[in-house]
Amino acid sequence: MIYLELLYKRPSKEARMAMCNAAMSIDHAAGRTEYIRTAEDSVSNITGHKHVKIVNSGNSAILSVMSTFNNKILIPDQGGWIGFKNIAKFLGIEALLVPTNLGIIDPDVLINIIEDKNPEALFLTSFAGYIGEQSIKQIYKTCNENGVTLVEDASGAVGDKKKRLANGNHAHVILASTGYPKIINVGNGGFISTDDNKILKSAKTILKIVKADSITCAGISAEIKNASQTLSGTVKACKFLKKELEYSIHKDKRGITIALPVNDPQKVGYELRKKLNVEGRNIITICPRYERINANAVCVEIKNLDLRCLKLENLEEIVQIIKETI
């Protein structure tokens, strides 16, 4: 049996130091304000949106934004975040499912649903199930022309060098988690960015409740500097794996997780968990699962791995392990 030692993603040394420094100065109100402002500016610089709020989690960001809608919203039928469903139910908002190709939304299908259902907003993730890139620009155009607010959960896509994802020009609202093991990885927190300040004003009460502390803000300000490198390195690793594993789902699309169709996901997932040792932590997801795809498959969560272990020789060994197991 091949044995492979992999590293689970952790906040950078710079982010940990920034958070420690913030923890030592949290008694100073002026200092807290400065940490918040710096974090908001850093997010604004990377998304291109004018208005930013830092919150204590990605779900808090979703709750805050979703609370500003009263009628129907749209979410993908798979490949989204389970919080979309759960928070809509909590708020008493009807969440209608958009039919997809294993999470990927077709703008032509979307326009028909918008015209038929007249929703207020569409919530989706930049990468469907973290596996395949959504056509965000085309989806935004469809939404914008029909008065639908596009809310992009860019937890897995902040810092896209190609500017196709997490780009304020292609989404009315961008939100993200900055908890483990996201692209901006500080253990907790999240953010909302938008050019429409009315949304943030409408969510004012909730935003006061879910605001992040200065420690989280300090971590975001430091870790966001690594976002582009982290994302591009993870996408590059997945591209290699998808090329070598030709049966990968959405193999021609950018992603940060690979999904492999199998007949017995439980059995294959169990075997892969034993062979892919990640410091005692798990990088295998069993499908069907709403957050990935509604089909028999196993996902290898490359996004959870530290860039330092995504070297060619390690990736080649991962490929060999997968081929021997499936």
Protein backbone atom coordinates (compact mmCIF):
# COMPACT_ATOMS: atom_id res chain seq x y z
CA MET A 1 0.00 0.00 0.00
CA ILE A 2 1.25 3.46 -0.86
CA TYR A 3 1.58 5.77 2.13
CA LEU A 4 1.40 9.49 1.53
CA GLU A 5 1.82 12.22 4.11
CA LEU A 6 -0.22 15.32 3.29
CA LEU A 7 -0.59 18.65 5.08
CA TYR A 8 -3.94 20.13 6.08
CA LYS A 9 -4.33 23.82 5.25
CA ARG A 10 -3.56 26.25 8.09
CA PRO A 11 -3.51 30.04 8.39
CA SER A 12 -0.19 31.52 7.30
CA LYS A 13 2.44 32.53 9.83
CA GLU A 14 1.71 36.18 9.00
CA ALA A 15 -2.00 35.75 9.66
CA ARG A 16 -1.38 33.96 12.97
CA MET A 17 1.00 36.71 14.08
CA ALA A 18 -1.48 39.43 13.08
CA MET A 19 -4.22 37.70 15.07
CA CYS A 20 -1.95 37.38 18.11
CA ASN A 21 -1.11 41.07 17.95
CA ALA A 22 -4.79 41.96 17.70
CA ALA A 23 -5.59 39.76 20.70
CA MET A 24 -3.12 41.75 22.76
CA SER A 25 -4.75 45.07 21.89
CA ILE A 26 -8.48 44.33 21.97
CA ASP A 27 -9.08 46.60 24.97
CA HIS A 28 -8.52 49.66 22.82
CA ALA A 29 -11.67 50.77 20.99
CA ALA A 30 -9.73 52.83 18.48
CA GLY A 31 -7.61 49.81 17.66
CA ARG A 32 -10.69 47.65 17.04
CA THR A 33 -12.05 50.25 14.64
CA GLU A 34 -8.77 50.30 12.75
CA TYR A 35 -8.66 46.50 12.43
CA ILE A 36 -12.19 46.48 11.04
CA ARG A 37 -11.50 49.29 8.58
CA THR A 38 -8.32 47.65 7.34
CA ALA A 39 -10.09 44.33 6.79
CA GLU A 40 -12.97 45.99 4.95
CA ASP A 41 -10.55 47.87 2.71
CA SER A 42 -8.62 44.69 1.92
CA VAL A 43 -11.82 42.92 0.85
CA SER A 44 -12.97 45.91 -1.18
CA ASN A 45 -9.64 45.98 -3.00
CA ILE A 46 -9.94 42.34 -4.05
CA THR A 47 -13.66 42.24 -4.99
CA GLY A 48 -13.91 45.76 -6.41
CA HIS A 49 -17.09 46.53 -4.45
CA LYS A 50 -17.42 49.82 -2.56
CA HIS A 51 -19.14 48.55 0.59
CA VAL A 52 -17.92 45.73 2.83
CA LYS A 53 -18.94 44.23 6.15
CA ILE A 54 -16.87 41.68 8.07
CA VAL A 55 -18.95 39.10 9.96
CA ASN A 56 -18.28 36.16 12.26
CA SER A 57 -18.98 33.36 9.74
CA GLY A 58 -19.99 32.58 6.20
CA ASN A 59 -23.46 31.51 7.33
CA SER A 60 -23.84 34.86 9.08
CA ALA A 61 -23.05 36.54 5.78
CA ILE A 62 -25.72 34.45 4.03
CA LEU A 63 -28.26 35.11 6.79
CA SER A 64 -27.63 38.86 6.69
CA VAL A 65 -28.04 39.13 2.92
CA MET A 66 -30.91 36.65 2.59
CA SER A 67 -32.85 38.47 5.31
CA THR A 68 -33.19 41.47 2.98
CA PHE A 69 -35.44 39.49 0.59
CA ASN A 70 -39.10 38.80 1.23
CA ASN A 71 -40.32 36.67 -1.64
CA LYS A 72 -38.83 33.82 -3.64
CA ILE A 73 -35.14 33.16 -4.21
CA LEU A 74 -33.36 30.71 -6.49
CA ILE A 75 -30.61 28.25 -5.53
CA PRO A 76 -28.94 25.45 -7.56
CA ASP A 77 -30.52 22.00 -7.28
CA GLN A 78 -27.05 20.70 -6.30
CA GLY A 79 -23.53 22.05 -5.92
CA GLY A 80 -24.59 24.94 -3.69
CA TRP A 81 -24.10 25.47 0.03
CA ILE A 82 -26.52 23.74 2.42
CA GLY A 83 -26.81 27.02 4.30
CA PHE A 84 -28.77 28.40 1.34
CA LYS A 85 -31.53 25.87 2.03
CA ASN A 86 -31.40 25.96 5.81
CA ILE A 87 -31.29 29.73 6.19
CA ALA A 88 -34.10 30.24 3.67
CA LYS A 89 -36.21 27.80 5.68
CA PHE A 90 -35.33 29.61 8.92
CA LEU A 91 -36.33 32.96 7.43
CA GLY A 92 -39.51 31.58 5.88
CA ILE A 93 -38.35 32.40 2.36
CA GLU A 94 -39.24 30.09 -0.52
CA ALA A 95 -36.07 28.70 -2.11
CA LEU A 96 -36.75 27.36 -5.61
CA LEU A 97 -34.30 24.89 -7.16
CA VAL A 98 -32.69 25.68 -10.50
CA PRO A 99 -32.10 22.50 -12.57
CA THR A 100 -28.38 22.10 -13.29
CA ASN A 101 -25.86 19.88 -15.02
CA LEU A 102 -24.33 18.41 -11.87
CA GLY A 103 -24.34 21.85 -10.28
CA ILE A 104 -23.54 23.93 -13.36
CA ILE A 105 -26.25 26.47 -14.21
CA ASP A 106 -27.16 27.01 -17.89
CA PRO A 107 -28.04 30.72 -18.39
CA ASP A 108 -30.63 29.72 -21.02
CA VAL A 109 -32.40 27.51 -18.48
CA LEU A 110 -32.09 30.24 -15.86
CA ILE A 111 -33.86 32.87 -17.95
CA ASN A 112 -36.90 30.61 -18.38
CA ILE A 113 -37.14 30.05 -14.63
CA ILE A 114 -36.75 33.76 -13.89
CA GLU A 115 -39.52 34.65 -16.33
CA ASP A 116 -41.78 31.94 -14.88
CA LYS A 117 -41.10 32.37 -11.14
CA ASN A 118 -40.15 36.06 -10.82
CA PRO A 119 -37.62 35.57 -7.98
CA GLU A 120 -35.86 38.35 -6.09
CA ALA A 121 -32.40 36.79 -6.00
CA LEU A 122 -30.17 33.91 -7.06
CA PHE A 123 -27.73 32.47 -4.52
CA LEU A 124 -24.93 30.28 -5.91
CA THR A 125 -21.31 29.31 -5.30
CA SER A 126 -18.51 30.39 -7.65
CA PHE A 127 -17.53 26.76 -8.20
CA ALA A 128 -20.44 24.32 -8.33
CA GLY A 129 -19.70 21.96 -5.46
CA TYR A 130 -16.16 23.35 -5.55
CA ILE A 131 -15.80 21.08 -8.61
CA GLY A 132 -16.64 23.18 -11.68
CA GLU A 133 -16.62 26.89 -12.43
CA GLN A 134 -19.96 28.60 -12.96
CA SER A 135 -20.39 30.99 -15.91
CA ILE A 136 -20.75 33.87 -13.48
CA LYS A 137 -20.48 36.69 -16.03
CA GLN A 138 -23.26 35.25 -18.22
CA ILE A 139 -25.40 34.41 -15.19
CA TYR A 140 -24.95 37.95 -13.86
CA LYS A 141 -25.99 39.42 -17.22
CA THR A 142 -29.17 37.33 -17.19
CA CYS A 143 -29.95 38.30 -13.59
CA ASN A 144 -29.14 41.97 -14.03
CA GLU A 145 -31.31 42.33 -17.13
CA ASN A 146 -34.27 40.80 -15.29
CA GLY A 147 -34.07 42.59 -11.93
CA VAL A 148 -32.70 39.59 -10.03
CA THR A 149 -29.96 40.11 -7.44
CA LEU A 150 -27.03 37.74 -7.98
CA VAL A 151 -25.40 36.69 -4.70
CA GLU A 152 -22.12 34.86 -5.29
CA ASP A 153 -20.72 32.77 -2.46
CA ALA A 154 -17.02 33.11 -3.32
CA SER A 155 -15.62 31.23 -0.33
CA GLY A 156 -13.65 29.06 -2.75
CA ALA A 157 -12.80 31.69 -5.34
CA VAL A 158 -11.55 34.89 -3.69
CA GLY A 159 -8.49 36.22 -5.46
CA ASP A 160 -9.22 34.81 -8.93
CA LYS A 161 -6.43 36.14 -11.15
CA LYS A 162 -8.59 35.66 -14.23
CA LYS A 163 -11.22 37.96 -12.68
CA ARG A 164 -14.01 35.61 -13.74
CA LEU A 165 -15.00 34.83 -10.17
CA ALA A 166 -15.35 36.97 -7.03
CA ASN A 167 -15.39 40.01 -9.29
CA GLY A 168 -17.64 42.86 -8.22
CA ASN A 169 -18.40 43.68 -11.86
CA HIS A 170 -20.15 40.33 -12.23
CA ALA A 171 -22.12 40.01 -8.98
CA HIS A 172 -24.46 42.32 -7.09
CA VAL A 173 -23.28 40.79 -3.81
CA ILE A 174 -20.20 38.72 -3.04
CA LEU A 175 -19.99 36.90 0.26
CA ALA A 176 -17.56 34.38 1.67
CA SER A 177 -16.54 32.32 4.64
CA THR A 178 -13.01 32.80 5.95
CA GLY A 179 -13.12 29.74 8.21
CA TYR A 180 -11.19 26.48 7.83
CA PRO A 181 -10.17 25.56 5.20
CA LYS A 182 -11.32 28.29 2.81
CA ILE A 183 -9.16 30.34 0.43
CA ILE A 184 -8.90 33.10 3.05
CA ASN A 185 -8.21 30.75 5.93
CA VAL A 186 -8.28 32.26 9.43
CA GLY A 187 -10.41 29.72 11.29
CA ASN A 188 -13.61 31.75 11.46
CA GLY A 189 -15.31 34.83 10.04
CA GLY A 190 -16.63 35.93 6.69
CA PHE A 191 -17.53 39.00 4.69
CA ILE A 192 -20.14 40.67 2.50
CA SER A 193 -19.24 43.04 -0.32
CA THR A 194 -21.56 45.00 -2.59
CA ASP A 195 -22.04 48.28 -4.42
CA ASP A 196 -25.67 48.36 -3.22
CA ASN A 197 -25.47 49.84 0.26
CA LYS A 198 -29.26 49.45 0.61
CA ILE A 199 -28.71 45.74 1.20
CA LEU A 200 -26.33 46.39 4.10
CA LYS A 201 -28.67 49.03 5.54
CA SER A 202 -31.60 46.60 5.36
CA ALA A 203 -29.53 44.00 7.24
CA LYS A 204 -28.28 46.53 9.80
CA THR A 205 -29.75 44.84 12.88
CA ILE A 206 -28.44 41.39 12.02
CA LEU A 207 -25.04 42.79 11.04
CA LYS A 208 -24.68 44.31 14.50
CA ILE A 209 -25.29 40.89 16.05
CA VAL A 210 -22.92 38.94 13.80
CA LYS A 211 -20.04 41.40 13.51
CA ALA A 212 -16.54 39.95 13.67
CA ASP A 213 -14.00 40.74 16.37
CA SER A 214 -10.71 42.50 15.74
CA ILE A 215 -8.76 39.22 15.88
CA THR A 216 -10.67 37.84 12.91
CA CYS A 217 -10.35 41.16 11.06
CA ALA A 218 -6.59 41.17 11.58
CA GLY A 219 -6.33 37.63 10.25
CA ILE A 220 -8.38 38.44 7.15
CA SER A 221 -6.26 41.51 6.37
CA ALA A 222 -3.11 39.38 6.46
CA GLU A 223 -4.39 36.18 4.84
CA ILE A 224 -6.18 37.86 1.96
CA LYS A 225 -2.75 38.77 0.59
CA ASN A 226 -2.21 35.06 -0.09
CA ALA A 227 -5.61 34.44 -1.68
CA SER A 228 -4.57 34.63 -5.34
CA GLN A 229 -1.58 32.34 -4.83
CA THR A 230 -3.60 29.87 -2.78
CA LEU A 231 -6.42 29.74 -5.33
CA SER A 232 -4.21 29.49 -8.42
CA GLY A 233 -2.06 26.77 -6.84
CA THR A 234 -5.11 24.72 -5.86
CA VAL A 235 -6.75 25.13 -9.28
CA LYS A 236 -3.49 24.11 -10.98
CA ALA A 237 -3.28 20.95 -8.84
CA CYS A 238 -6.89 20.03 -9.64
CA LYS A 239 -6.29 20.64 -13.35
CA PHE A 240 -3.43 18.13 -13.27
CA LEU A 241 -5.49 15.55 -11.37
CA LYS A 242 -8.47 15.96 -13.71
CA LYS A 243 -6.20 15.47 -16.72
CA GLU A 244 -4.70 12.30 -15.27
CA LEU A 245 -8.09 10.99 -14.11
CA GLU A 246 -10.03 11.40 -17.33
CA TYR A 247 -13.33 10.24 -15.84
CA SER A 248 -13.36 13.21 -13.43
CA ILE A 249 -16.62 15.15 -13.33
CA HIS A 250 -16.40 18.61 -14.94
CA LYS A 251 -12.87 17.71 -15.98
CA ASP A 252 -12.64 20.63 -18.44
CA LYS A 253 -13.70 23.24 -15.88
CA ARG A 254 -11.64 24.98 -13.23
CA GLY A 255 -12.24 23.74 -9.70
CA ILE A 256 -10.64 23.21 -6.31
CA THR A 257 -12.03 19.72 -5.63
CA ILE A 258 -12.13 16.66 -7.87
CA ALA A 259 -15.18 14.41 -8.11
CA LEU A 260 -14.93 10.83 -9.36
CA PRO A 261 -17.99 8.71 -10.28
CA VAL A 262 -18.02 5.31 -8.55
CA ASN A 263 -20.55 2.52 -8.05
CA ASP A 264 -19.99 2.16 -4.30
CA PRO A 265 -19.08 5.58 -2.81
CA GLN A 266 -19.08 4.36 0.78
CA LYS A 267 -16.61 1.55 0.11
CA VAL A 268 -14.31 3.60 -2.13
CA GLY A 269 -14.44 6.57 0.24
CA TYR A 270 -13.48 4.35 3.17
CA GLU A 271 -10.48 2.98 1.30
CA LEU A 272 -9.31 6.40 0.13
CA ARG A 273 -9.56 7.82 3.65
CA LYS A 274 -7.18 5.11 4.86
CA LYS A 275 -4.66 5.74 2.09
CA LEU A 276 -4.74 9.56 1.90
CA ASN A 277 -3.36 10.47 5.30
CA VAL A 278 -3.84 14.18 6.10
CA GLU A 279 -2.62 14.49 9.67
CA GLY A 280 -5.59 12.45 10.84
CA ARG A 281 -8.09 14.70 9.05
CA ASN A 282 -10.44 13.88 6.20
CA ILE A 283 -10.34 15.11 2.60
CA ILE A 284 -12.85 12.64 1.17
CA THR A 285 -16.52 13.52 0.67
CA ILE A 286 -19.13 10.87 -0.16
CA CYS A 287 -21.83 11.71 -2.70
CA PRO A 288 -24.76 12.05 -3.37
CA ARG A 289 -24.53 15.27 -1.35
CA TYR A 290 -26.18 18.62 -2.01
CA GLU A 291 -22.98 20.58 -1.41
CA ARG A 292 -21.19 18.58 -4.14
CA ILE A 293 -23.28 16.55 -6.61
CA ASN A 294 -26.40 14.41 -6.40
CA ALA A 295 -24.76 11.34 -7.93
CA ASN A 296 -22.72 8.37 -6.78
CA ALA A 297 -19.19 9.73 -6.47
CA VAL A 298 -16.31 10.46 -4.16
CA CYS A 299 -14.72 13.87 -3.94
CA VAL A 300 -11.08 14.48 -3.06
CA GLU A 301 -11.01 17.89 -1.39
CA ILE A 302 -7.76 19.30 -2.76
CA LYS A 303 -8.89 22.70 -1.43
CA ASN A 304 -8.26 21.43 2.11
CA LEU A 305 -4.57 20.84 1.48
CA ASP A 306 -1.65 23.14 2.14
CA LEU A 307 0.04 24.39 -1.03
CA ARG A 308 3.35 23.03 0.24
CA CYS A 309 2.19 19.46 -0.36
CA LEU A 310 0.69 20.07 -3.81
CA LYS A 311 3.98 19.27 -5.53
CA LEU A 312 4.10 17.25 -8.73
CA GLU A 313 5.49 14.12 -7.08
CA ASN A 314 2.73 14.17 -4.45
CA LEU A 315 0.03 14.74 -7.06
CA GLU A 316 1.36 11.84 -9.12
CA GLU A 317 1.20 9.65 -6.04
CA ILE A 318 -2.37 10.74 -5.34
CA VAL A 319 -3.27 9.75 -8.90
CA GLN A 320 -1.68 6.32 -8.42
CA ILE A 321 -3.55 5.78 -5.13
CA ILE A 322 -6.87 6.72 -6.73
CA LYS A 323 -6.31 4.49 -9.76
CA GLU A 324 -5.44 1.54 -7.53
CA THR A 325 -8.52 2.11 -5.36
CA ILE A 326 -11.27 2.83 -7.86
